Amino acid sequence: MTQVSHQQWGQVPSLGSVDMWTLQSPQVRVEVLTLGAIIRSVSCRGKHGQMEDVVLGYDDLEGYVSDKRYLGALVGRVANRIAKGHFVVEGKEFQLDTNNGPNALHGGLRGFNKEVWLAAEVEGGVILSHTSPDGDQGYPGELQVSISYTLQGETLTADYRARSTKTTPINLTNHSYFNLSGQGAADIYDHEVSISAQSYLPVDDTSIPTGEICPVEDTPFDLRVPVPVGVQLKKVPGLGFDHNFCLCSPRDDWTERHAARVLHPPSGRVLEVSTSQPGVQFYTANVLDGSIRGKGGVTYGKHSAFCLETQNWPNAVNQASFPDCLLRPGDEYHHVTRFTFTTV
């Protein structure tokens, strides 16, 4: 049985009141903010029974208002990068603001993570909804979007739905940063990760996929069997992992698939992720640099957490061979991701 409660958490100038919703099962406790549909915390037990919060975040609302790293947030209208912020839909060109070098990232200068969402209780959780107007951040169509977070036992389910009045690209994900050892850990080098992907997307020097779909075999991206994150990071070019792992082929039917498993051996905590999305972006917090002061005054540095962003493949709107990312009038966008927290 999951207990659901909520309380006001603060005020944001020009946006109004922000509430915090708490979902509590016998095994897991989750806090969700109406600002950005943010997962503020996930507390779960280690092998000795100790509860720890395994999600990076802030102690107060101001931290989330000024945050530039999407901690815990729902990101959209299009998560990840669109090359040069440019795309063509039904013969019409669209130019977005660029906010990540030459590219558009995570919905633009003011993405869904900076909006206050409407919230209502559902069985075992909360549903948050938002209306993105036609032209919002340069995207076509009025988009009615919702996410429900429900907690059942050890499993937190995120259920995303949307409808649009015009054909628009869409790609929604949650950008939680996890460290299964709890708050205050300096890095994730002692975590072991496996990802159920036969292929991955190589990227250029601005993190845009080149268009190739490469087998993981005999590369540092072969995570099909568990490997220590610290060991594998030494083999990856650049700052670390920030790559899409392909969970299926581009035209495969909608179905839930196992995506990833992460184990923290010292605490015994395990996170398993399944999703209906065709990809998962494995990101090792490469650009956290110690300038962010998070919960309890802890500074978050490079490789202090990992993200498993279930999503469509990056820049799919500009790659005809990637899974279709267009939502058309009359159709419903629907994806599900489940996070299960256990111990070994």
C-alpha atoms as a PDB file:
ATOM      1  CA  MET A   1       0.000   0.000   0.000  1.00  0.00           C
ATOM      2  CA  THR A   2       1.363   3.401  -1.002  1.00  0.00           C
ATOM      3  CA  GLN A   3       0.587   6.486   1.050  1.00  0.00           C
ATOM      4  CA  VAL A   4       0.320   9.751  -0.901  1.00  0.00           C
ATOM      5  CA  SER A   5       0.478  13.225   0.654  1.00  0.00           C
ATOM      6  CA  HIS A   6       1.428  16.733  -0.405  1.00  0.00           C
ATOM      7  CA  GLN A   7       2.313  20.099   1.074  1.00  0.00           C
ATOM      8  CA  GLN A   8       3.349  23.529  -0.127  1.00  0.00           C
ATOM      9  CA  TRP A   9       7.136  23.687  -0.502  1.00  0.00           C
ATOM     10  CA  GLY A  10       7.633  27.305  -1.538  1.00  0.00           C
ATOM     11  CA  GLN A  11       6.859  30.130  -3.932  1.00  0.00           C
ATOM     12  CA  VAL A  12       8.490  30.989  -7.244  1.00  0.00           C
ATOM     13  CA  PRO A  13       8.243  34.613  -8.383  1.00  0.00           C
ATOM     14  CA  SER A  14       5.932  34.917 -11.421  1.00  0.00           C
ATOM     15  CA  LEU A  15       5.092  31.183 -11.276  1.00  0.00           C
ATOM     16  CA  GLY A  16       3.375  30.894  -7.901  1.00  0.00           C
ATOM     17  CA  SER A  17       3.225  28.092  -5.388  1.00  0.00           C
ATOM     18  CA  VAL A  18       5.260  24.894  -5.650  1.00  0.00           C
ATOM     19  CA  ASP A  19       4.069  21.750  -3.868  1.00  0.00           C
ATOM     20  CA  MET A  20       5.966  18.650  -2.843  1.00  0.00           C
ATOM     21  CA  TRP A  21       4.216  15.297  -3.172  1.00  0.00           C
ATOM     22  CA  THR A  22       5.385  12.336  -1.113  1.00  0.00           C
ATOM     23  CA  LEU A  23       4.839   8.721  -2.163  1.00  0.00           C
ATOM     24  CA  GLN A  24       5.593   6.199   0.587  1.00  0.00           C
ATOM     25  CA  SER A  25       5.567   2.407   0.252  1.00  0.00           C
ATOM     26  CA  PRO A  26       6.983  -0.026   2.828  1.00  0.00           C
ATOM     27  CA  GLN A  27      10.234  -0.171   0.827  1.00  0.00           C
ATOM     28  CA  VAL A  28      10.696   3.209  -0.904  1.00  0.00           C
ATOM     29  CA  ARG A  29       9.936   6.890  -0.319  1.00  0.00           C
ATOM     30  CA  VAL A  30       9.763   9.330  -3.253  1.00  0.00           C
ATOM     31  CA  GLU A  31       9.399  13.123  -3.228  1.00  0.00           C
ATOM     32  CA  VAL A  32       8.125  14.918  -6.349  1.00  0.00           C
ATOM     33  CA  LEU A  33       7.949  18.670  -6.942  1.00  0.00           C
ATOM     34  CA  THR A  34       5.363  20.428  -9.087  1.00  0.00           C
ATOM     35  CA  LEU A  35       8.223  22.583 -10.396  1.00  0.00           C
ATOM     36  CA  GLY A  36       9.534  20.722 -13.425  1.00  0.00           C
ATOM     37  CA  ALA A  37       7.833  17.455 -12.342  1.00  0.00           C
ATOM     38  CA  ILE A  38      11.122  16.994 -10.502  1.00  0.00           C
ATOM     39  CA  ILE A  39      11.966  13.828  -8.578  1.00  0.00           C
ATOM     40  CA  ARG A  40      13.483  15.497  -5.525  1.00  0.00           C
ATOM     41  CA  SER A  41      14.425  12.343  -3.645  1.00  0.00           C
ATOM     42  CA  VAL A  42      14.238   8.564  -3.667  1.00  0.00           C
ATOM     43  CA  SER A  43      14.993   6.888  -0.356  1.00  0.00           C
ATOM     44  CA  CYS A  44      15.525   3.126  -0.318  1.00  0.00           C
ATOM     45  CA  ARG A  45      17.143   0.518   1.918  1.00  0.00           C
ATOM     46  CA  GLY A  46      20.607  -0.949   1.752  1.00  0.00           C
ATOM     47  CA  LYS A  47      21.453  -4.543   2.620  1.00  0.00           C
ATOM     48  CA  HIS A  48      21.673  -3.681   6.331  1.00  0.00           C
ATOM     49  CA  GLY A  49      18.285  -1.950   6.299  1.00  0.00           C
ATOM     50  CA  GLN A  50      19.548   1.624   6.301  1.00  0.00           C
ATOM     51  CA  MET A  51      17.478   4.148   4.326  1.00  0.00           C
ATOM     52  CA  GLU A  52      19.436   6.534   2.097  1.00  0.00           C
ATOM     53  CA  ASP A  53      18.404   9.138  -0.448  1.00  0.00           C
ATOM     54  CA  VAL A  54      19.977   8.052  -3.758  1.00  0.00           C
ATOM     55  CA  VAL A  55      19.054  11.080  -5.940  1.00  0.00           C
ATOM     56  CA  LEU A  56      21.076  14.297  -6.227  1.00  0.00           C
ATOM     57  CA  GLY A  57      19.221  17.531  -5.559  1.00  0.00           C
ATOM     58  CA  TYR A  58      18.881  20.643  -3.420  1.00  0.00           C
ATOM     59  CA  ASP A  59      17.721  21.432   0.094  1.00  0.00           C
ATOM     60  CA  ASP A  60      15.533  24.346  -0.980  1.00  0.00           C
ATOM     61  CA  LEU A  61      13.414  25.559  -3.855  1.00  0.00           C
ATOM     62  CA  GLU A  62      15.890  28.250  -4.886  1.00  0.00           C
ATOM     63  CA  GLY A  63      18.382  25.543  -5.800  1.00  0.00           C
ATOM     64  CA  TYR A  64      15.955  24.073  -8.326  1.00  0.00           C
ATOM     65  CA  VAL A  65      14.861  27.461  -9.686  1.00  0.00           C
ATOM     66  CA  SER A  66      18.462  28.415 -10.519  1.00  0.00           C
ATOM     67  CA  ASP A  67      19.605  24.883 -11.471  1.00  0.00           C
ATOM     68  CA  LYS A  68      21.183  24.520 -14.924  1.00  0.00           C
ATOM     69  CA  ARG A  69      21.931  20.769 -14.792  1.00  0.00           C
ATOM     70  CA  TYR A  70      18.351  19.415 -14.834  1.00  0.00           C
ATOM     71  CA  LEU A  71      18.664  17.651 -11.462  1.00  0.00           C
ATOM     72  CA  GLY A  72      15.695  15.281 -11.132  1.00  0.00           C
ATOM     73  CA  ALA A  73      13.695  17.120 -13.784  1.00  0.00           C
ATOM     74  CA  LEU A  74      11.334  16.101 -16.534  1.00  0.00           C
ATOM     75  CA  VAL A  75      12.918  17.481 -19.688  1.00  0.00           C
ATOM     76  CA  GLY A  76      11.127  18.398 -22.906  1.00  0.00           C
ATOM     77  CA  ARG A  77       9.569  19.206 -25.303  1.00  0.00           C
ATOM     78  CA  VAL A  78      12.557  17.379 -26.812  1.00  0.00           C
ATOM     79  CA  ALA A  79      15.095  15.802 -24.476  1.00  0.00           C
ATOM     80  CA  ASN A  80      18.741  15.591 -25.529  1.00  0.00           C
ATOM     81  CA  ARG A  81      20.168  17.496 -28.498  1.00  0.00           C
ATOM     82  CA  ILE A  82      18.846  18.779 -31.808  1.00  0.00           C
ATOM     83  CA  ALA A  83      21.708  19.595 -34.181  1.00  0.00           C
ATOM     84  CA  LYS A  84      22.103  23.350 -34.642  1.00  0.00           C
ATOM     85  CA  GLY A  85      18.601  23.744 -33.169  1.00  0.00           C
ATOM     86  CA  HIS A  86      17.208  23.238 -36.658  1.00  0.00           C
ATOM     87  CA  PHE A  87      14.674  20.848 -38.151  1.00  0.00           C
ATOM     88  CA  VAL A  88      12.070  20.582 -40.911  1.00  0.00           C
ATOM     89  CA  VAL A  89       8.561  19.232 -40.310  1.00  0.00           C
ATOM     90  CA  GLU A  90       6.080  18.808 -43.177  1.00  0.00           C
ATOM     91  CA  GLY A  91       8.150  21.087 -45.385  1.00  0.00           C
ATOM     92  CA  LYS A  92       8.402  23.927 -42.866  1.00  0.00           C
ATOM     93  CA  GLU A  93      11.709  24.953 -41.291  1.00  0.00           C
ATOM     94  CA  PHE A  94      12.008  25.552 -37.568  1.00  0.00           C
ATOM     95  CA  GLN A  95      14.911  27.245 -35.804  1.00  0.00           C
ATOM     96  CA  LEU A  96      15.215  26.879 -32.030  1.00  0.00           C
ATOM     97  CA  ASP A  97      17.426  28.838 -29.686  1.00  0.00           C
ATOM     98  CA  THR A  98      20.733  27.054 -29.126  1.00  0.00           C
ATOM     99  CA  ASN A  99      21.713  26.512 -25.496  1.00  0.00           C
ATOM    100  CA  ASN A 100      24.422  23.821 -25.678  1.00  0.00           C
ATOM    101  CA  GLY A 101      27.228  25.028 -27.919  1.00  0.00           C
ATOM    102  CA  PRO A 102      25.787  25.043 -31.439  1.00  0.00           C
ATOM    103  CA  ASN A 103      22.873  22.784 -30.498  1.00  0.00           C
ATOM    104  CA  ALA A 104      19.485  22.924 -28.752  1.00  0.00           C
ATOM    105  CA  LEU A 105      19.371  20.846 -25.564  1.00  0.00           C
ATOM    106  CA  HIS A 106      16.514  19.532 -23.382  1.00  0.00           C
ATOM    107  CA  GLY A 107      13.735  21.702 -24.766  1.00  0.00           C
ATOM    108  CA  GLY A 108      15.447  25.072 -25.008  1.00  0.00           C
ATOM    109  CA  LEU A 109      16.199  28.099 -22.867  1.00  0.00           C
ATOM    110  CA  ARG A 110      13.029  27.515 -20.853  1.00  0.00           C
ATOM    111  CA  GLY A 111      12.115  23.855 -21.004  1.00  0.00           C
ATOM    112  CA  PHE A 112       9.495  21.898 -19.114  1.00  0.00           C
ATOM    113  CA  ASN A 113      11.862  21.699 -16.118  1.00  0.00           C
ATOM    114  CA  LYS A 114      11.228  25.389 -15.370  1.00  0.00           C
ATOM    115  CA  GLU A 115       7.424  25.247 -15.455  1.00  0.00           C
ATOM    116  CA  VAL A 116       5.084  24.662 -12.511  1.00  0.00           C
ATOM    117  CA  TRP A 117       2.862  21.697 -13.349  1.00  0.00           C
ATOM    118  CA  LEU A 118      -0.696  21.071 -12.185  1.00  0.00           C
ATOM    119  CA  ALA A 119      -0.928  18.065  -9.862  1.00  0.00           C
ATOM    120  CA  ALA A 120      -3.650  15.664  -8.764  1.00  0.00           C
ATOM    121  CA  GLU A 121      -3.604  12.478  -6.754  1.00  0.00           C
ATOM    122  CA  VAL A 122      -4.023   9.119  -8.489  1.00  0.00           C
ATOM    123  CA  GLU A 123      -3.946   5.666  -6.930  1.00  0.00           C
ATOM    124  CA  GLY A 124      -0.458   5.149  -5.565  1.00  0.00           C
ATOM    125  CA  GLY A 125       0.920   8.425  -6.804  1.00  0.00           C
ATOM    126  CA  VAL A 126       0.503  11.768  -8.524  1.00  0.00           C
ATOM    127  CA  ILE A 127      -0.257  12.920 -12.064  1.00  0.00           C
ATOM    128  CA  LEU A 128       1.261  16.201 -13.234  1.00  0.00           C
ATOM    129  CA  SER A 129       0.058  18.039 -16.327  1.00  0.00           C
ATOM    130  CA  HIS A 130       1.221  21.013 -18.354  1.00  0.00           C
ATOM    131  CA  THR A 131       0.133  22.858 -21.504  1.00  0.00           C
ATOM    132  CA  SER A 132       2.937  24.011 -23.784  1.00  0.00           C
ATOM    133  CA  PRO A 133       1.534  26.671 -26.160  1.00  0.00           C
ATOM    134  CA  ASP A 134       1.976  26.649 -29.919  1.00  0.00           C
ATOM    135  CA  GLY A 135       5.388  28.185 -30.627  1.00  0.00           C
ATOM    136  CA  ASP A 136       6.754  27.505 -27.134  1.00  0.00           C
ATOM    137  CA  GLN A 137      10.576  27.657 -27.424  1.00  0.00           C
ATOM    138  CA  GLY A 138      10.063  27.534 -31.193  1.00  0.00           C
ATOM    139  CA  TYR A 139       8.185  24.221 -31.359  1.00  0.00           C
ATOM    140  CA  PRO A 140       4.976  23.822 -33.407  1.00  0.00           C
ATOM    141  CA  GLY A 141       1.603  22.987 -31.906  1.00  0.00           C
ATOM    142  CA  GLU A 142      -0.071  23.312 -28.540  1.00  0.00           C
ATOM    143  CA  LEU A 143       1.069  20.286 -26.537  1.00  0.00           C
ATOM    144  CA  GLN A 144      -0.989  18.827 -23.698  1.00  0.00           C
ATOM    145  CA  VAL A 145       1.453  16.728 -21.675  1.00  0.00           C
ATOM    146  CA  SER A 146       1.163  14.681 -18.505  1.00  0.00           C
ATOM    147  CA  ILE A 147       3.330  12.428 -16.399  1.00  0.00           C
ATOM    148  CA  SER A 148       2.165  10.157 -13.631  1.00  0.00           C
ATOM    149  CA  TYR A 149       4.569   8.932 -10.983  1.00  0.00           C
ATOM    150  CA  THR A 150       3.208   5.912  -9.139  1.00  0.00           C
ATOM    151  CA  LEU A 151       4.918   3.804  -6.502  1.00  0.00           C
ATOM    152  CA  GLN A 152       4.128   0.155  -5.959  1.00  0.00           C
ATOM    153  CA  GLY A 153       6.373  -1.648  -3.512  1.00  0.00           C
ATOM    154  CA  GLU A 154       9.922  -1.262  -4.804  1.00  0.00           C
ATOM    155  CA  THR A 155       8.975   0.117  -8.236  1.00  0.00           C
ATOM    156  CA  LEU A 156       8.505   3.745  -9.275  1.00  0.00           C
ATOM    157  CA  THR A 157       6.690   4.028 -12.611  1.00  0.00           C
ATOM    158  CA  ALA A 158       6.803   7.123 -14.813  1.00  0.00           C
ATOM    159  CA  ASP A 159       4.006   7.181 -17.402  1.00  0.00           C
ATOM    160  CA  TYR A 160       4.309   9.910 -20.054  1.00  0.00           C
ATOM    161  CA  ARG A 161       1.460  11.002 -22.346  1.00  0.00           C
ATOM    162  CA  ALA A 162       0.978  13.899 -24.752  1.00  0.00           C
ATOM    163  CA  ARG A 163      -1.214  15.209 -27.593  1.00  0.00           C
ATOM    164  CA  SER A 164      -0.483  18.049 -30.009  1.00  0.00           C
ATOM    165  CA  THR A 165      -2.549  20.299 -32.285  1.00  0.00           C
ATOM    166  CA  LYS A 166       0.247  20.272 -34.920  1.00  0.00           C
ATOM    167  CA  THR A 167       2.911  17.780 -35.921  1.00  0.00           C
ATOM    168  CA  THR A 168       5.836  18.267 -33.524  1.00  0.00           C
ATOM    169  CA  PRO A 169       8.945  16.431 -32.445  1.00  0.00           C
ATOM    170  CA  ILE A 170       8.689  15.153 -28.885  1.00  0.00           C
ATOM    171  CA  ASN A 171      11.025  13.260 -26.577  1.00  0.00           C
ATOM    172  CA  LEU A 172      10.312  13.218 -22.841  1.00  0.00           C
ATOM    173  CA  THR A 173      12.527  11.797 -20.113  1.00  0.00           C
ATOM    174  CA  ASN A 174      13.454  12.190 -16.475  1.00  0.00           C
ATOM    175  CA  HIS A 175      16.931  13.525 -15.723  1.00  0.00           C
ATOM    176  CA  SER A 176      17.510  12.170 -12.220  1.00  0.00           C
ATOM    177  CA  TYR A 177      21.123  11.804 -11.123  1.00  0.00           C
ATOM    178  CA  PHE A 178      21.608   8.657  -9.032  1.00  0.00           C
ATOM    179  CA  ASN A 179      24.298   7.654  -6.557  1.00  0.00           C
ATOM    180  CA  LEU A 180      23.286   4.414  -4.885  1.00  0.00           C
ATOM    181  CA  SER A 181      25.633   4.926  -1.954  1.00  0.00           C
ATOM    182  CA  GLY A 182      23.491   7.855  -0.790  1.00  0.00           C
ATOM    183  CA  GLN A 183      24.275  11.522  -0.242  1.00  0.00           C
ATOM    184  CA  GLY A 184      27.842  12.700   0.136  1.00  0.00           C
ATOM    185  CA  ALA A 185      29.658  10.101  -1.973  1.00  0.00           C
ATOM    186  CA  ALA A 186      32.398  11.638  -4.083  1.00  0.00           C
ATOM    187  CA  ASP A 187      31.981   9.407  -7.138  1.00  0.00           C
ATOM    188  CA  ILE A 188      30.317   6.346  -8.671  1.00  0.00           C
ATOM    189  CA  TYR A 189      33.505   4.432  -9.524  1.00  0.00           C
ATOM    190  CA  ASP A 190      32.510   1.539  -7.249  1.00  0.00           C
ATOM    191  CA  HIS A 191      29.120   1.064  -8.958  1.00  0.00           C
ATOM    192  CA  GLU A 192      28.684  -1.786 -11.451  1.00  0.00           C
ATOM    193  CA  VAL A 193      26.583  -1.125 -14.547  1.00  0.00           C
ATOM    194  CA  SER A 194      25.043  -3.263 -17.259  1.00  0.00           C
ATOM    195  CA  ILE A 195      22.933  -2.038 -20.195  1.00  0.00           C
ATOM    196  CA  SER A 196      20.894  -4.357 -22.413  1.00  0.00           C
ATOM    197  CA  ALA A 197      22.023  -2.888 -25.721  1.00  0.00           C
ATOM    198  CA  GLN A 198      23.665  -4.531 -28.715  1.00  0.00           C
ATOM    199  CA  SER A 199      24.492  -1.173 -30.322  1.00  0.00           C
ATOM    200  CA  TYR A 200      25.139   2.474 -29.481  1.00  0.00           C
ATOM    201  CA  LEU A 201      25.327   5.822 -31.287  1.00  0.00           C
ATOM    202  CA  PRO A 202      28.773   7.383 -31.809  1.00  0.00           C
ATOM    203  CA  VAL A 203      28.783  11.177 -31.524  1.00  0.00           C
ATOM    204  CA  ASP A 204      30.698  14.112 -32.967  1.00  0.00           C
ATOM    205  CA  ASP A 205      32.600  16.636 -30.877  1.00  0.00           C
ATOM    206  CA  THR A 206      29.345  18.476 -30.032  1.00  0.00           C
ATOM    207  CA  SER A 207      27.671  15.230 -28.818  1.00  0.00           C
ATOM    208  CA  ILE A 208      25.396  14.903 -31.860  1.00  0.00           C
ATOM    209  CA  PRO A 209      25.079  11.323 -33.166  1.00  0.00           C
ATOM    210  CA  THR A 210      26.956  10.852 -36.435  1.00  0.00           C
ATOM    211  CA  GLY A 211      24.110   8.762 -37.862  1.00  0.00           C
ATOM    212  CA  GLU A 212      25.971   5.479 -37.517  1.00  0.00           C
ATOM    213  CA  ILE A 213      24.512   2.655 -35.419  1.00  0.00           C
ATOM    214  CA  CYS A 214      27.541   0.751 -34.148  1.00  0.00           C
ATOM    215  CA  PRO A 215      27.744  -2.660 -32.455  1.00  0.00           C
ATOM    216  CA  VAL A 216      28.973  -2.415 -28.858  1.00  0.00           C
ATOM    217  CA  GLU A 217      31.060  -5.577 -29.213  1.00  0.00           C
ATOM    218  CA  ASP A 218      34.803  -5.002 -28.783  1.00  0.00           C
ATOM    219  CA  THR A 219      34.252  -1.367 -27.725  1.00  0.00           C
ATOM    220  CA  PRO A 220      34.230   0.398 -24.321  1.00  0.00           C
ATOM    221  CA  PHE A 221      30.452   0.665 -24.824  1.00  0.00           C
ATOM    222  CA  ASP A 222      29.882  -3.061 -24.387  1.00  0.00           C
ATOM    223  CA  LEU A 223      28.007  -3.039 -21.094  1.00  0.00           C
ATOM    224  CA  ARG A 224      26.007  -6.206 -21.686  1.00  0.00           C
ATOM    225  CA  VAL A 225      27.672  -7.819 -18.675  1.00  0.00           C
ATOM    226  CA  PRO A 226      28.266  -5.852 -15.449  1.00  0.00           C
ATOM    227  CA  VAL A 227      31.437  -3.776 -15.286  1.00  0.00           C
ATOM    228  CA  PRO A 228      32.735  -1.356 -12.630  1.00  0.00           C
ATOM    229  CA  VAL A 229      32.002   2.199 -13.746  1.00  0.00           C
ATOM    230  CA  GLY A 230      35.437   3.452 -12.680  1.00  0.00           C
ATOM    231  CA  VAL A 231      37.247   0.842 -14.759  1.00  0.00           C
ATOM    232  CA  GLN A 232      35.100   1.446 -17.827  1.00  0.00           C
ATOM    233  CA  LEU A 233      35.405   5.238 -17.648  1.00  0.00           C
ATOM    234  CA  LYS A 234      39.163   4.910 -18.209  1.00  0.00           C
ATOM    235  CA  LYS A 235      38.448   3.250 -21.564  1.00  0.00           C
ATOM    236  CA  VAL A 236      35.936   5.793 -22.877  1.00  0.00           C
ATOM    237  CA  PRO A 237      37.224   8.706 -24.958  1.00  0.00           C
ATOM    238  CA  GLY A 238      36.447  12.201 -23.736  1.00  0.00           C
ATOM    239  CA  LEU A 239      35.012  13.136 -20.363  1.00  0.00           C
ATOM    240  CA  GLY A 240      32.958   9.981 -19.805  1.00  0.00           C
ATOM    241  CA  PHE A 241      29.724   8.362 -20.903  1.00  0.00           C
ATOM    242  CA  ASP A 242      27.130  10.622 -22.538  1.00  0.00           C
ATOM    243  CA  HIS A 243      25.862   8.254 -25.205  1.00  0.00           C
ATOM    244  CA  ASN A 244      22.638   6.709 -26.414  1.00  0.00           C
ATOM    245  CA  PHE A 245      22.415   2.941 -26.097  1.00  0.00           C
ATOM    246  CA  CYS A 246      19.989   1.364 -28.567  1.00  0.00           C
ATOM    247  CA  LEU A 247      17.497  -0.919 -26.812  1.00  0.00           C
ATOM    248  CA  CYS A 248      15.827  -2.025 -30.053  1.00  0.00           C
ATOM    249  CA  SER A 249      15.852  -1.487 -33.794  1.00  0.00           C
ATOM    250  CA  PRO A 250      14.439   1.789 -35.168  1.00  0.00           C
ATOM    251  CA  ARG A 251      11.147   0.302 -36.422  1.00  0.00           C
ATOM    252  CA  ASP A 252      10.446  -2.179 -33.623  1.00  0.00           C
ATOM    253  CA  ASP A 253       6.982  -2.206 -32.072  1.00  0.00           C
ATOM    254  CA  TRP A 254       6.153  -0.475 -28.781  1.00  0.00           C
ATOM    255  CA  THR A 255       6.892  -2.801 -25.872  1.00  0.00           C
ATOM    256  CA  GLU A 256       8.536  -2.598 -22.478  1.00  0.00           C
ATOM    257  CA  ARG A 257      12.106  -3.863 -22.394  1.00  0.00           C
ATOM    258  CA  HIS A 258      14.775  -4.263 -19.753  1.00  0.00           C
ATOM    259  CA  ALA A 259      17.199  -1.359 -20.155  1.00  0.00           C
ATOM    260  CA  ALA A 260      19.799  -1.307 -17.404  1.00  0.00           C
ATOM    261  CA  ARG A 261      20.917  -2.539 -14.000  1.00  0.00           C
ATOM    262  CA  VAL A 262      23.257  -0.774 -11.592  1.00  0.00           C
ATOM    263  CA  LEU A 263      24.644  -2.371  -8.423  1.00  0.00           C
ATOM    264  CA  HIS A 264      26.464  -0.644  -5.572  1.00  0.00           C
ATOM    265  CA  PRO A 265      28.269  -3.574  -3.899  1.00  0.00           C
ATOM    266  CA  PRO A 266      29.148  -1.875  -0.563  1.00  0.00           C
ATOM    267  CA  SER A 267      25.499  -1.010   0.221  1.00  0.00           C
ATOM    268  CA  GLY A 268      23.909  -3.843  -1.766  1.00  0.00           C
ATOM    269  CA  ARG A 269      21.549  -1.392  -3.481  1.00  0.00           C
ATOM    270  CA  VAL A 270      20.373  -2.255  -6.979  1.00  0.00           C
ATOM    271  CA  LEU A 271      18.553  -0.046  -9.491  1.00  0.00           C
ATOM    272  CA  GLU A 272      16.879  -1.777 -12.431  1.00  0.00           C
ATOM    273  CA  VAL A 273      15.344   0.217 -15.273  1.00  0.00           C
ATOM    274  CA  SER A 274      12.851  -0.957 -17.880  1.00  0.00           C
ATOM    275  CA  THR A 275      11.202   1.164 -20.535  1.00  0.00           C
ATOM    276  CA  SER A 276       9.121   1.277 -23.705  1.00  0.00           C
ATOM    277  CA  GLN A 277      11.527   3.832 -25.162  1.00  0.00           C
ATOM    278  CA  PRO A 278      13.943   2.765 -27.927  1.00  0.00           C
ATOM    279  CA  GLY A 279      17.014   4.146 -26.188  1.00  0.00           C
ATOM    280  CA  VAL A 280      18.673   5.102 -22.933  1.00  0.00           C
ATOM    281  CA  GLN A 281      21.247   7.856 -22.553  1.00  0.00           C
ATOM    282  CA  PHE A 282      23.864   6.734 -20.041  1.00  0.00           C
ATOM    283  CA  TYR A 283      25.452   9.870 -18.604  1.00  0.00           C
ATOM    284  CA  THR A 284      28.135   9.926 -15.913  1.00  0.00           C
ATOM    285  CA  ALA A 285      27.755  13.557 -14.748  1.00  0.00           C
ATOM    286  CA  ASN A 286      30.794  14.622 -16.738  1.00  0.00           C
ATOM    287  CA  VAL A 287      30.228  18.369 -16.431  1.00  0.00           C
ATOM    288  CA  LEU A 288      29.389  18.563 -12.740  1.00  0.00           C
ATOM    289  CA  ASP A 289      32.440  20.433 -11.472  1.00  0.00           C
ATOM    290  CA  GLY A 290      31.982  20.995  -7.738  1.00  0.00           C
ATOM    291  CA  SER A 291      30.303  24.377  -8.214  1.00  0.00           C
ATOM    292  CA  ILE A 292      26.877  22.984  -7.308  1.00  0.00           C
ATOM    293  CA  ARG A 293      26.133  22.781  -3.592  1.00  0.00           C
ATOM    294  CA  GLY A 294      23.464  20.160  -3.114  1.00  0.00           C
ATOM    295  CA  LYS A 295      21.651  18.456  -0.264  1.00  0.00           C
ATOM    296  CA  GLY A 296      23.335  18.837   3.092  1.00  0.00           C
ATOM    297  CA  GLY A 297      25.852  21.268   1.618  1.00  0.00           C
ATOM    298  CA  VAL A 298      27.572  18.526  -0.381  1.00  0.00           C
ATOM    299  CA  THR A 299      29.328  19.686  -3.559  1.00  0.00           C
ATOM    300  CA  TYR A 300      28.610  17.617  -6.649  1.00  0.00           C
ATOM    301  CA  GLY A 301      31.706  16.945  -8.722  1.00  0.00           C
ATOM    302  CA  LYS A 302      32.575  15.133 -11.921  1.00  0.00           C
ATOM    303  CA  HIS A 303      31.376  11.495 -11.988  1.00  0.00           C
ATOM    304  CA  SER A 304      29.516  11.931  -8.685  1.00  0.00           C
ATOM    305  CA  ALA A 305      26.349  10.368 -10.150  1.00  0.00           C
ATOM    306  CA  PHE A 306      24.877   8.664 -13.189  1.00  0.00           C
ATOM    307  CA  CYS A 307      21.748   9.233 -15.269  1.00  0.00           C
ATOM    308  CA  LEU A 308      19.775   6.638 -17.197  1.00  0.00           C
ATOM    309  CA  GLU A 309      17.655   8.853 -19.434  1.00  0.00           C
ATOM    310  CA  THR A 310      15.167   6.603 -21.231  1.00  0.00           C
ATOM    311  CA  GLN A 311      14.265   8.309 -24.479  1.00  0.00           C
ATOM    312  CA  ASN A 312      14.167   8.352 -28.250  1.00  0.00           C
ATOM    313  CA  TRP A 313      17.517   8.545 -29.996  1.00  0.00           C
ATOM    314  CA  PRO A 314      19.091  12.039 -29.956  1.00  0.00           C
ATOM    315  CA  ASN A 315      18.530  14.310 -32.960  1.00  0.00           C
ATOM    316  CA  ALA A 316      16.004  11.815 -34.359  1.00  0.00           C
ATOM    317  CA  VAL A 317      14.076  14.671 -36.002  1.00  0.00           C
ATOM    318  CA  ASN A 318      17.049  15.098 -38.366  1.00  0.00           C
ATOM    319  CA  GLN A 319      17.850  11.410 -38.916  1.00  0.00           C
ATOM    320  CA  ALA A 320      15.373   9.506 -41.078  1.00  0.00           C
ATOM    321  CA  SER A 321      16.944   6.163 -40.093  1.00  0.00           C
ATOM    322  CA  PHE A 322      16.312   6.761 -36.360  1.00  0.00           C
ATOM    323  CA  PRO A 323      13.011   5.932 -34.588  1.00  0.00           C
ATOM    324  CA  ASP A 324      10.233   8.364 -35.509  1.00  0.00           C
ATOM    325  CA  CYS A 325       9.967  11.211 -32.976  1.00  0.00           C
ATOM    326  CA  LEU A 326       7.045  13.075 -34.543  1.00  0.00           C
ATOM    327  CA  LEU A 327       3.702  13.357 -32.750  1.00  0.00           C
ATOM    328  CA  ARG A 328       0.864  14.053 -35.138  1.00  0.00           C
ATOM    329  CA  PRO A 329      -2.574  15.583 -34.426  1.00  0.00           C
ATOM    330  CA  GLY A 330      -5.010  12.912 -33.315  1.00  0.00           C
ATOM    331  CA  ASP A 331      -2.261  10.582 -32.081  1.00  0.00           C
ATOM    332  CA  GLU A 332      -1.138  10.079 -28.488  1.00  0.00           C
ATOM    333  CA  TYR A 333       2.458   9.986 -27.347  1.00  0.00           C
ATOM    334  CA  HIS A 334       2.794   7.341 -24.652  1.00  0.00           C
ATOM    335  CA  HIS A 335       5.857   5.861 -22.971  1.00  0.00           C
ATOM    336  CA  VAL A 336       6.528   4.106 -19.684  1.00  0.00           C
ATOM    337  CA  THR A 337       9.702   3.806 -17.606  1.00  0.00           C
ATOM    338  CA  ARG A 338      10.038   1.795 -14.390  1.00  0.00           C
ATOM    339  CA  PHE A 339      12.741   2.199 -11.744  1.00  0.00           C
ATOM    340  CA  THR A 340      12.986  -0.724  -9.299  1.00  0.00           C
ATOM    341  CA  PHE A 341      15.065  -0.401  -6.126  1.00  0.00           C
ATOM    342  CA  THR A 342      16.166  -3.632  -4.419  1.00  0.00           C
ATOM    343  CA  THR A 343      19.139  -5.061  -2.549  1.00  0.00           C
ATOM    344  CA  VAL A 344      21.413  -8.059  -2.919  1.00  0.00           C
END
